[in-house]
Every structure is written in C-alpha cells, then in structure tokens.
Amino acid sequence: MPDTPYPIDGGCDCRGLRYRLTSAPLFVHCCHCRWCQRETGASFALNALIETSRVTVLAGEPLAVDTPSHSGRGQRILRCPRCHVAVWSHYAGAGDRISFIRVGTLDDPDRLRPDIHIYTSTKQPWIVLPPSVPAVPEYYDRNVHWPAESLRRRAALLG
C-alpha cells in the first residue's frame, strides 16, 4: 500500500455520510467467516484497519448500531443514518480506537487490496484465493503478518 497516495475518501450510497482516511491503514483483512457473510450478505468482508484518529468525517454523522459478534463481545457498526450503508465498525478488542473501514465504501476501492485472507475454513468453496496473499484458516498472529510500522502504530495507540 505504500504506493497509494493519501488521503483517500469514501462514503455511503446517498453521499450523506462522507469520510477521509488521512494515512495508510494498519492492515487490510479479507474475512471469510460466516458472521461477515451473514452481516454483509456477500461472500466476505473487506476491512481496512486504521486508527480512528486517522478517519475524518467530512459530511454527516454516522449512526452507531450495536450488533452481536462471534466472539460474544459485540461489534459497533457505523452506518449512514439515511441510506443505512455500513461504512466502518469497531470491535470490542480495541474499542473505538481502531476503525474497520469497509473498503467497498471508498470512492476508489481498488486502491486497497487485502493483506491477508482470514477464516478461510468457512469461505465459499467457489472462491479461489490468490497464492500471492497470505491466507489462514481462522485468525492469525499479527506479529507474524503485520508490517513493523503497523505494529509500532498499534502499540502507540493501545499504549
């Protein structure tokens, strides 16, 4: 992702909610778990993890909706209050400090490719994963897969 210039903007379908990523994300997950499949109605969720302080709301005010999660600790999904498109989430682990941006809501979603495919044990069987991207059957060890700079940023954030 270093070749992607920042900032990059995104938003919902009705354009009532607009946001900007002011830097590169920490990491990009392509999650194939059944929870993400059910929540999105698609075969996977593509999320860019980034410090919430690096997400600027340009227009609108997101509506927070608490939903269950596989961990049992829940997830807070931020949606446009008009069209209800989910634009990012917060999970219990880091709380509101890290945003999981829905890559599909970026104006140019092609700019952020997955760094890893996770929960591939439950991926749809017709999906063929590229051999050039790491893939794990469940979750992963971030110390193995994340770039050193992203680990440093995470440590500084969570202190």
N, C-alpha and C. Protein backbone atom coordinates (compact mmCIF):
# COMPACT_ATOMS: atom_id res chain seq x y z
N MET A 1 0.79 -1.21 0.00
CA MET A 1 0.00 0.00 0.00
C MET A 1 0.84 1.28 0.00
N PRO A 2 2.14 1.23 0.16
CA PRO A 2 2.91 2.46 0.18
C PRO A 2 2.78 3.29 -1.09
N ASP A 3 2.44 2.66 -2.21
CA ASP A 3 2.32 3.41 -3.45
C ASP A 3 0.96 4.11 -3.59
N THR A 4 0.06 3.92 -2.64
CA THR A 4 -1.24 4.56 -2.67
C THR A 4 -1.13 5.94 -2.02
N PRO A 5 -1.41 7.00 -2.77
CA PRO A 5 -1.34 8.33 -2.16
C PRO A 5 -2.53 8.58 -1.22
N TYR A 6 -2.26 9.29 -0.17
CA TYR A 6 -3.28 9.65 0.83
C TYR A 6 -3.38 11.15 0.91
N PRO A 7 -4.53 11.67 1.26
CA PRO A 7 -5.70 10.98 1.77
C PRO A 7 -6.53 10.33 0.67
N ILE A 8 -7.42 9.41 1.11
CA ILE A 8 -8.42 8.83 0.21
C ILE A 8 -9.79 8.97 0.88
N ASP A 9 -10.80 9.22 0.08
CA ASP A 9 -12.14 9.50 0.58
C ASP A 9 -13.10 8.36 0.29
N GLY A 10 -14.18 8.35 1.04
CA GLY A 10 -15.23 7.36 0.85
C GLY A 10 -16.53 7.86 1.44
N GLY A 11 -17.53 7.01 1.37
CA GLY A 11 -18.83 7.37 1.92
C GLY A 11 -19.89 6.36 1.54
N CYS A 12 -21.10 6.72 1.86
CA CYS A 12 -22.25 5.86 1.63
C CYS A 12 -22.84 6.08 0.24
N ASP A 13 -23.90 5.34 -0.07
CA ASP A 13 -24.55 5.45 -1.37
C ASP A 13 -25.22 6.80 -1.61
N CYS A 14 -25.86 7.35 -0.60
CA CYS A 14 -26.60 8.61 -0.79
C CYS A 14 -25.70 9.84 -0.67
N ARG A 15 -24.45 9.62 -0.30
CA ARG A 15 -23.43 10.66 -0.13
C ARG A 15 -23.73 11.58 1.06
N GLY A 16 -24.65 11.17 1.90
CA GLY A 16 -24.94 11.92 3.11
C GLY A 16 -23.86 11.78 4.16
N LEU A 17 -23.13 10.68 4.12
CA LEU A 17 -22.01 10.45 5.04
C LEU A 17 -20.74 10.30 4.21
N ARG A 18 -19.78 11.16 4.46
CA ARG A 18 -18.51 11.15 3.73
C ARG A 18 -17.38 11.12 4.76
N TYR A 19 -16.31 10.42 4.44
CA TYR A 19 -15.16 10.33 5.34
C TYR A 19 -13.87 10.35 4.53
N ARG A 20 -12.77 10.52 5.25
CA ARG A 20 -11.44 10.55 4.63
C ARG A 20 -10.47 9.73 5.50
N LEU A 21 -9.67 8.89 4.85
CA LEU A 21 -8.55 8.23 5.51
C LEU A 21 -7.34 9.13 5.29
N THR A 22 -6.73 9.59 6.37
CA THR A 22 -5.63 10.54 6.25
C THR A 22 -4.28 9.86 6.09
N SER A 23 -4.23 8.53 6.26
CA SER A 23 -2.98 7.79 6.07
C SER A 23 -3.30 6.37 5.63
N ALA A 24 -2.26 5.63 5.38
CA ALA A 24 -2.43 4.21 5.04
C ALA A 24 -3.02 3.47 6.24
N PRO A 25 -3.82 2.45 5.97
CA PRO A 25 -4.33 1.65 7.08
C PRO A 25 -3.21 0.82 7.70
N LEU A 26 -3.50 0.28 8.87
CA LEU A 26 -2.56 -0.62 9.54
C LEU A 26 -2.43 -1.93 8.77
N PHE A 27 -3.58 -2.45 8.30
CA PHE A 27 -3.63 -3.75 7.64
C PHE A 27 -5.00 -3.89 7.01
N VAL A 28 -5.12 -4.73 6.00
CA VAL A 28 -6.41 -4.95 5.33
C VAL A 28 -6.75 -6.44 5.39
N HIS A 29 -7.91 -6.73 6.01
CA HIS A 29 -8.40 -8.09 6.15
C HIS A 29 -9.45 -8.39 5.09
N CYS A 30 -9.39 -9.55 4.51
CA CYS A 30 -10.50 -10.10 3.74
C CYS A 30 -11.01 -11.26 4.58
N CYS A 31 -12.14 -11.05 5.24
CA CYS A 31 -12.67 -12.02 6.20
C CYS A 31 -13.76 -12.87 5.55
N HIS A 32 -13.57 -14.17 5.62
CA HIS A 32 -14.48 -15.13 5.01
C HIS A 32 -15.33 -15.85 6.06
N CYS A 33 -15.40 -15.33 7.29
CA CYS A 33 -16.18 -16.02 8.33
C CYS A 33 -17.67 -15.95 8.01
N ARG A 34 -18.42 -16.88 8.57
CA ARG A 34 -19.86 -16.92 8.32
C ARG A 34 -20.57 -15.69 8.90
N TRP A 35 -20.03 -15.12 9.98
CA TRP A 35 -20.64 -13.92 10.54
C TRP A 35 -20.56 -12.77 9.55
N CYS A 36 -19.40 -12.57 8.95
CA CYS A 36 -19.25 -11.50 7.95
C CYS A 36 -20.11 -11.78 6.72
N GLN A 37 -20.19 -13.04 6.32
CA GLN A 37 -21.04 -13.39 5.18
C GLN A 37 -22.49 -13.03 5.46
N ARG A 38 -22.97 -13.36 6.66
CA ARG A 38 -24.36 -13.08 7.02
C ARG A 38 -24.59 -11.57 7.14
N GLU A 39 -23.66 -10.89 7.80
CA GLU A 39 -23.83 -9.45 8.04
C GLU A 39 -23.84 -8.65 6.74
N THR A 40 -22.99 -9.03 5.79
CA THR A 40 -22.88 -8.26 4.55
C THR A 40 -23.79 -8.78 3.45
N GLY A 41 -24.24 -10.03 3.59
CA GLY A 41 -25.00 -10.64 2.51
C GLY A 41 -24.12 -10.97 1.33
N ALA A 42 -22.81 -11.01 1.55
CA ALA A 42 -21.84 -11.28 0.50
C ALA A 42 -20.94 -12.43 0.95
N SER A 43 -19.98 -12.78 0.13
CA SER A 43 -19.12 -13.92 0.42
C SER A 43 -17.98 -13.61 1.38
N PHE A 44 -17.70 -12.33 1.59
CA PHE A 44 -16.65 -11.93 2.52
C PHE A 44 -16.79 -10.45 2.81
N ALA A 45 -16.06 -10.00 3.83
CA ALA A 45 -15.98 -8.57 4.16
C ALA A 45 -14.54 -8.14 3.97
N LEU A 46 -14.34 -6.99 3.34
CA LEU A 46 -13.00 -6.44 3.14
C LEU A 46 -12.89 -5.18 3.99
N ASN A 47 -12.07 -5.26 5.04
CA ASN A 47 -11.94 -4.18 6.01
C ASN A 47 -10.51 -3.68 6.11
N ALA A 48 -10.36 -2.35 6.08
CA ALA A 48 -9.06 -1.70 6.30
C ALA A 48 -9.02 -1.24 7.74
N LEU A 49 -8.10 -1.77 8.52
CA LEU A 49 -7.96 -1.39 9.93
C LEU A 49 -7.10 -0.14 10.01
N ILE A 50 -7.62 0.87 10.70
CA ILE A 50 -6.91 2.14 10.81
C ILE A 50 -7.29 2.81 12.13
N GLU A 51 -6.36 3.57 12.67
CA GLU A 51 -6.65 4.32 13.88
C GLU A 51 -7.83 5.27 13.60
N THR A 52 -8.78 5.30 14.51
CA THR A 52 -9.96 6.17 14.33
C THR A 52 -9.54 7.63 14.23
N SER A 53 -8.46 8.00 14.87
CA SER A 53 -7.97 9.39 14.78
C SER A 53 -7.51 9.74 13.37
N ARG A 54 -7.32 8.74 12.52
CA ARG A 54 -6.90 8.96 11.13
C ARG A 54 -8.08 8.86 10.16
N VAL A 55 -9.29 8.86 10.70
CA VAL A 55 -10.52 8.87 9.90
C VAL A 55 -11.23 10.18 10.20
N THR A 56 -11.39 11.00 9.19
CA THR A 56 -12.06 12.29 9.35
C THR A 56 -13.44 12.22 8.72
N VAL A 57 -14.46 12.55 9.49
CA VAL A 57 -15.81 12.63 8.93
C VAL A 57 -15.92 13.98 8.22
N LEU A 58 -16.21 13.92 6.92
CA LEU A 58 -16.31 15.13 6.10
C LEU A 58 -17.72 15.66 6.02
N ALA A 59 -18.71 14.78 6.08
CA ALA A 59 -20.13 15.18 5.99
C ALA A 59 -20.97 14.14 6.69
N GLY A 60 -22.00 14.61 7.36
CA GLY A 60 -22.92 13.71 8.03
C GLY A 60 -22.42 13.29 9.40
N GLU A 61 -23.23 12.51 10.06
CA GLU A 61 -22.91 11.98 11.38
C GLU A 61 -23.29 10.51 11.39
N PRO A 62 -22.32 9.59 11.51
CA PRO A 62 -22.66 8.17 11.46
C PRO A 62 -23.56 7.74 12.61
N LEU A 63 -24.41 6.79 12.31
CA LEU A 63 -25.31 6.19 13.30
C LEU A 63 -24.66 4.91 13.78
N ALA A 64 -24.45 4.77 15.09
CA ALA A 64 -23.82 3.58 15.66
C ALA A 64 -24.89 2.54 15.98
N VAL A 65 -24.67 1.32 15.50
CA VAL A 65 -25.59 0.22 15.75
C VAL A 65 -24.80 -0.92 16.37
N ASP A 66 -25.19 -1.34 17.57
CA ASP A 66 -24.52 -2.45 18.24
C ASP A 66 -25.11 -3.76 17.74
N THR A 67 -24.21 -4.68 17.35
CA THR A 67 -24.64 -5.98 16.84
C THR A 67 -23.84 -7.08 17.54
N PRO A 68 -24.35 -8.32 17.52
CA PRO A 68 -23.58 -9.42 18.10
C PRO A 68 -22.39 -9.77 17.21
N SER A 69 -21.45 -10.49 17.77
CA SER A 69 -20.29 -10.98 17.01
C SER A 69 -19.97 -12.39 17.47
N HIS A 70 -19.18 -13.09 16.70
CA HIS A 70 -18.81 -14.46 17.01
C HIS A 70 -18.10 -14.56 18.36
N SER A 71 -17.32 -13.54 18.71
CA SER A 71 -16.59 -13.56 19.99
C SER A 71 -17.51 -13.42 21.19
N GLY A 72 -18.73 -12.94 20.96
CA GLY A 72 -19.65 -12.69 22.05
C GLY A 72 -19.48 -11.31 22.67
N ARG A 73 -18.46 -10.56 22.22
CA ARG A 73 -18.22 -9.23 22.78
C ARG A 73 -18.85 -8.12 21.96
N GLY A 74 -19.42 -8.45 20.84
CA GLY A 74 -20.16 -7.48 20.04
C GLY A 74 -19.31 -6.66 19.10
N GLN A 75 -20.02 -5.95 18.26
CA GLN A 75 -19.42 -5.09 17.25
C GLN A 75 -20.31 -3.85 17.14
N ARG A 76 -19.72 -2.71 16.97
CA ARG A 76 -20.47 -1.47 16.74
C ARG A 76 -20.26 -1.10 15.28
N ILE A 77 -21.35 -1.09 14.51
CA ILE A 77 -21.29 -0.75 13.09
C ILE A 77 -21.75 0.69 12.93
N LEU A 78 -20.94 1.49 12.22
CA LEU A 78 -21.28 2.88 11.94
C LEU A 78 -21.90 2.93 10.55
N ARG A 79 -23.12 3.47 10.48
CA ARG A 79 -23.91 3.49 9.25
C ARG A 79 -24.35 4.91 8.93
N CYS A 80 -24.66 5.11 7.67
CA CYS A 80 -25.30 6.37 7.28
C CYS A 80 -26.71 6.36 7.86
N PRO A 81 -27.14 7.43 8.52
CA PRO A 81 -28.48 7.44 9.10
C PRO A 81 -29.60 7.51 8.06
N ARG A 82 -29.26 7.89 6.81
CA ARG A 82 -30.29 7.95 5.75
C ARG A 82 -30.38 6.66 4.95
N CYS A 83 -29.29 6.24 4.34
CA CYS A 83 -29.34 5.06 3.46
C CYS A 83 -28.94 3.77 4.18
N HIS A 84 -28.42 3.90 5.39
CA HIS A 84 -28.06 2.78 6.27
C HIS A 84 -26.91 1.92 5.77
N VAL A 85 -26.13 2.39 4.82
CA VAL A 85 -24.94 1.67 4.39
C VAL A 85 -23.93 1.65 5.54
N ALA A 86 -23.37 0.47 5.81
CA ALA A 86 -22.32 0.34 6.83
C ALA A 86 -21.01 0.85 6.26
N VAL A 87 -20.38 1.80 6.93
CA VAL A 87 -19.13 2.37 6.43
C VAL A 87 -17.91 1.93 7.25
N TRP A 88 -18.07 1.68 8.53
CA TRP A 88 -16.99 1.09 9.31
C TRP A 88 -17.55 0.50 10.58
N SER A 89 -16.68 -0.26 11.27
CA SER A 89 -17.05 -0.94 12.51
C SER A 89 -15.98 -0.73 13.56
N HIS A 90 -16.38 -0.97 14.80
CA HIS A 90 -15.46 -1.04 15.94
C HIS A 90 -15.73 -2.37 16.64
N TYR A 91 -14.66 -3.09 16.96
CA TYR A 91 -14.79 -4.36 17.67
C TYR A 91 -14.33 -4.17 19.11
N ALA A 92 -14.77 -5.06 19.98
CA ALA A 92 -14.51 -4.95 21.41
C ALA A 92 -13.02 -4.90 21.75
N GLY A 93 -12.18 -5.60 21.01
CA GLY A 93 -10.75 -5.67 21.35
C GLY A 93 -10.10 -4.32 21.51
N ALA A 94 -10.20 -3.44 20.52
CA ALA A 94 -9.59 -2.11 20.58
C ALA A 94 -10.63 -1.02 20.80
N GLY A 95 -11.89 -1.41 20.87
CA GLY A 95 -12.94 -0.42 21.08
C GLY A 95 -12.99 0.59 19.95
N ASP A 96 -13.25 1.83 20.30
CA ASP A 96 -13.40 2.89 19.32
C ASP A 96 -12.07 3.41 18.78
N ARG A 97 -10.95 2.90 19.28
CA ARG A 97 -9.64 3.42 18.86
C ARG A 97 -9.22 2.95 17.47
N ILE A 98 -9.73 1.81 17.03
CA ILE A 98 -9.42 1.31 15.68
C ILE A 98 -10.72 1.14 14.91
N SER A 99 -10.75 1.67 13.70
CA SER A 99 -11.90 1.55 12.82
C SER A 99 -11.61 0.50 11.75
N PHE A 100 -12.59 -0.32 11.48
CA PHE A 100 -12.54 -1.31 10.41
C PHE A 100 -13.34 -0.73 9.26
N ILE A 101 -12.66 -0.03 8.37
CA ILE A 101 -13.30 0.66 7.24
C ILE A 101 -13.74 -0.36 6.21
N ARG A 102 -14.98 -0.27 5.78
CA ARG A 102 -15.47 -1.14 4.70
C ARG A 102 -14.88 -0.63 3.40
N VAL A 103 -13.94 -1.37 2.86
CA VAL A 103 -13.19 -0.93 1.68
C VAL A 103 -14.13 -0.62 0.52
N GLY A 104 -15.21 -1.33 0.40
CA GLY A 104 -16.16 -1.09 -0.68
C GLY A 104 -16.82 0.27 -0.63
N THR A 105 -16.70 0.98 0.51
CA THR A 105 -17.29 2.32 0.61
C THR A 105 -16.31 3.42 0.19
N LEU A 106 -15.08 3.04 -0.15
CA LEU A 106 -14.12 4.04 -0.66
C LEU A 106 -14.55 4.47 -2.06
N ASP A 107 -14.27 5.71 -2.41
CA ASP A 107 -14.58 6.18 -3.76
C ASP A 107 -13.85 5.34 -4.81
N ASP A 108 -12.66 4.88 -4.47
CA ASP A 108 -11.89 4.03 -5.37
C ASP A 108 -11.43 2.80 -4.57
N PRO A 109 -12.31 1.81 -4.38
CA PRO A 109 -11.97 0.67 -3.53
C PRO A 109 -10.83 -0.19 -4.08
N ASP A 110 -10.51 -0.05 -5.36
CA ASP A 110 -9.42 -0.83 -5.94
C ASP A 110 -8.07 -0.46 -5.35
N ARG A 111 -8.00 0.66 -4.66
CA ARG A 111 -6.72 1.13 -4.12
C ARG A 111 -6.24 0.34 -2.91
N LEU A 112 -7.15 -0.38 -2.23
CA LEU A 112 -6.75 -1.15 -1.05
C LEU A 112 -7.05 -2.62 -1.27
N ARG A 113 -6.00 -3.38 -1.46
CA ARG A 113 -6.12 -4.82 -1.64
C ARG A 113 -5.91 -5.52 -0.31
N PRO A 114 -6.42 -6.74 -0.18
CA PRO A 114 -6.22 -7.46 1.08
C PRO A 114 -4.75 -7.80 1.34
N ASP A 115 -4.35 -7.65 2.60
CA ASP A 115 -3.03 -8.09 3.04
C ASP A 115 -3.07 -9.55 3.48
N ILE A 116 -4.29 -10.01 3.83
CA ILE A 116 -4.45 -11.39 4.31
C ILE A 116 -5.91 -11.80 4.12
N HIS A 117 -6.11 -13.09 3.90
CA HIS A 117 -7.45 -13.69 3.89
C HIS A 117 -7.57 -14.48 5.18
N ILE A 118 -8.62 -14.20 5.96
CA ILE A 118 -8.81 -14.85 7.25
C ILE A 118 -10.11 -15.65 7.27
N TYR A 119 -10.16 -16.61 8.17
CA TYR A 119 -11.31 -17.52 8.30
C TYR A 119 -11.63 -18.21 6.98
N THR A 120 -10.57 -18.65 6.32
CA THR A 120 -10.77 -19.32 5.03
C THR A 120 -11.38 -20.71 5.20
N SER A 121 -11.40 -21.23 6.43
CA SER A 121 -12.03 -22.53 6.66
C SER A 121 -13.53 -22.48 6.35
N THR A 122 -14.11 -21.28 6.35
CA THR A 122 -15.54 -21.14 6.07
C THR A 122 -15.81 -20.30 4.82
N LYS A 123 -14.79 -20.11 4.00
CA LYS A 123 -15.01 -19.35 2.76
C LYS A 123 -15.93 -20.13 1.83
N GLN A 124 -16.56 -19.43 0.94
CA GLN A 124 -17.38 -20.08 -0.07
C GLN A 124 -16.47 -20.95 -0.94
N PRO A 125 -16.87 -22.17 -1.23
CA PRO A 125 -15.97 -23.10 -1.93
C PRO A 125 -15.61 -22.69 -3.35
N TRP A 126 -16.36 -21.82 -3.96
CA TRP A 126 -16.06 -21.39 -5.34
C TRP A 126 -15.08 -20.23 -5.40
N ILE A 127 -14.73 -19.66 -4.24
CA ILE A 127 -13.76 -18.57 -4.22
C ILE A 127 -12.35 -19.14 -4.32
N VAL A 128 -11.60 -18.64 -5.27
CA VAL A 128 -10.21 -19.07 -5.44
C VAL A 128 -9.32 -17.94 -4.93
N LEU A 129 -8.52 -18.24 -3.93
CA LEU A 129 -7.65 -17.24 -3.32
C LEU A 129 -6.33 -17.14 -4.08
N PRO A 130 -5.82 -15.92 -4.23
CA PRO A 130 -4.54 -15.76 -4.93
C PRO A 130 -3.39 -16.31 -4.07
N PRO A 131 -2.48 -17.06 -4.66
CA PRO A 131 -1.37 -17.61 -3.88
C PRO A 131 -0.40 -16.54 -3.37
N SER A 132 -0.46 -15.35 -3.91
CA SER A 132 0.46 -14.28 -3.51
C SER A 132 0.03 -13.56 -2.23
N VAL A 133 -1.16 -13.85 -1.70
CA VAL A 133 -1.66 -13.20 -0.49
C VAL A 133 -1.79 -14.25 0.61
N PRO A 134 -1.23 -13.99 1.81
CA PRO A 134 -1.36 -14.96 2.89
C PRO A 134 -2.83 -15.28 3.18
N ALA A 135 -3.08 -16.54 3.52
CA ALA A 135 -4.43 -17.00 3.86
C ALA A 135 -4.32 -17.94 5.04
N VAL A 136 -5.20 -17.75 6.02
CA VAL A 136 -5.20 -18.59 7.22
C VAL A 136 -6.59 -19.13 7.47
N PRO A 137 -6.68 -20.35 8.05
CA PRO A 137 -8.00 -20.96 8.25
C PRO A 137 -8.88 -20.22 9.26
N GLU A 138 -8.28 -19.59 10.25
CA GLU A 138 -9.04 -18.84 11.26
C GLU A 138 -8.45 -17.43 11.35
N TYR A 139 -8.08 -17.01 12.58
CA TYR A 139 -7.44 -15.71 12.74
C TYR A 139 -5.93 -15.93 12.63
N TYR A 140 -5.11 -14.95 12.95
CA TYR A 140 -3.68 -15.02 12.70
C TYR A 140 -2.93 -14.29 13.80
N ASP A 141 -1.63 -14.46 13.80
CA ASP A 141 -0.74 -13.77 14.72
C ASP A 141 -0.27 -12.48 14.04
N ARG A 142 -0.70 -11.34 14.55
CA ARG A 142 -0.34 -10.07 13.90
C ARG A 142 1.16 -9.84 13.92
N ASN A 143 1.87 -10.37 14.92
CA ASN A 143 3.32 -10.19 14.96
C ASN A 143 4.02 -10.90 13.81
N VAL A 144 3.38 -11.86 13.22
CA VAL A 144 3.93 -12.58 12.08
C VAL A 144 3.58 -11.88 10.77
N HIS A 145 2.36 -11.35 10.67
CA HIS A 145 1.85 -10.85 9.39
C HIS A 145 1.87 -9.34 9.20
N TRP A 146 1.78 -8.58 10.27
CA TRP A 146 1.72 -7.12 10.11
C TRP A 146 3.11 -6.54 9.84
N PRO A 147 3.18 -5.48 9.05
CA PRO A 147 4.45 -4.76 8.88
C PRO A 147 4.88 -4.13 10.22
N ALA A 148 6.19 -3.97 10.39
CA ALA A 148 6.74 -3.41 11.63
C ALA A 148 6.15 -2.04 11.94
N GLU A 149 5.97 -1.19 10.93
CA GLU A 149 5.41 0.15 11.15
C GLU A 149 3.98 0.06 11.69
N SER A 150 3.19 -0.86 11.19
CA SER A 150 1.82 -1.01 11.68
C SER A 150 1.81 -1.51 13.12
N LEU A 151 2.70 -2.42 13.45
CA LEU A 151 2.81 -2.89 14.84
C LEU A 151 3.19 -1.73 15.77
N ARG A 152 4.12 -0.89 15.31
CA ARG A 152 4.52 0.27 16.11
C ARG A 152 3.34 1.22 16.32
N ARG A 153 2.61 1.49 15.27
CA ARG A 153 1.44 2.39 15.37
C ARG A 153 0.40 1.81 16.33
N ARG A 154 0.14 0.50 16.24
CA ARG A 154 -0.83 -0.14 17.12
C ARG A 154 -0.38 -0.04 18.57
N ALA A 155 0.89 -0.33 18.83
CA ALA A 155 1.41 -0.27 20.20
C ALA A 155 1.29 1.15 20.77
N ALA A 156 1.60 2.15 19.95
CA ALA A 156 1.47 3.53 20.40
C ALA A 156 0.01 3.88 20.71
N LEU A 157 -0.90 3.35 19.93
CA LEU A 157 -2.31 3.63 20.12
C LEU A 157 -2.87 2.98 21.39
N LEU A 158 -2.51 1.72 21.59
CA LEU A 158 -3.10 0.97 22.69
C LEU A 158 -2.30 1.11 23.98
N GLY A 159 -1.08 1.69 23.86
CA GLY A 159 -0.23 2.02 24.98
C GLY A 159 -0.09 0.97 25.99
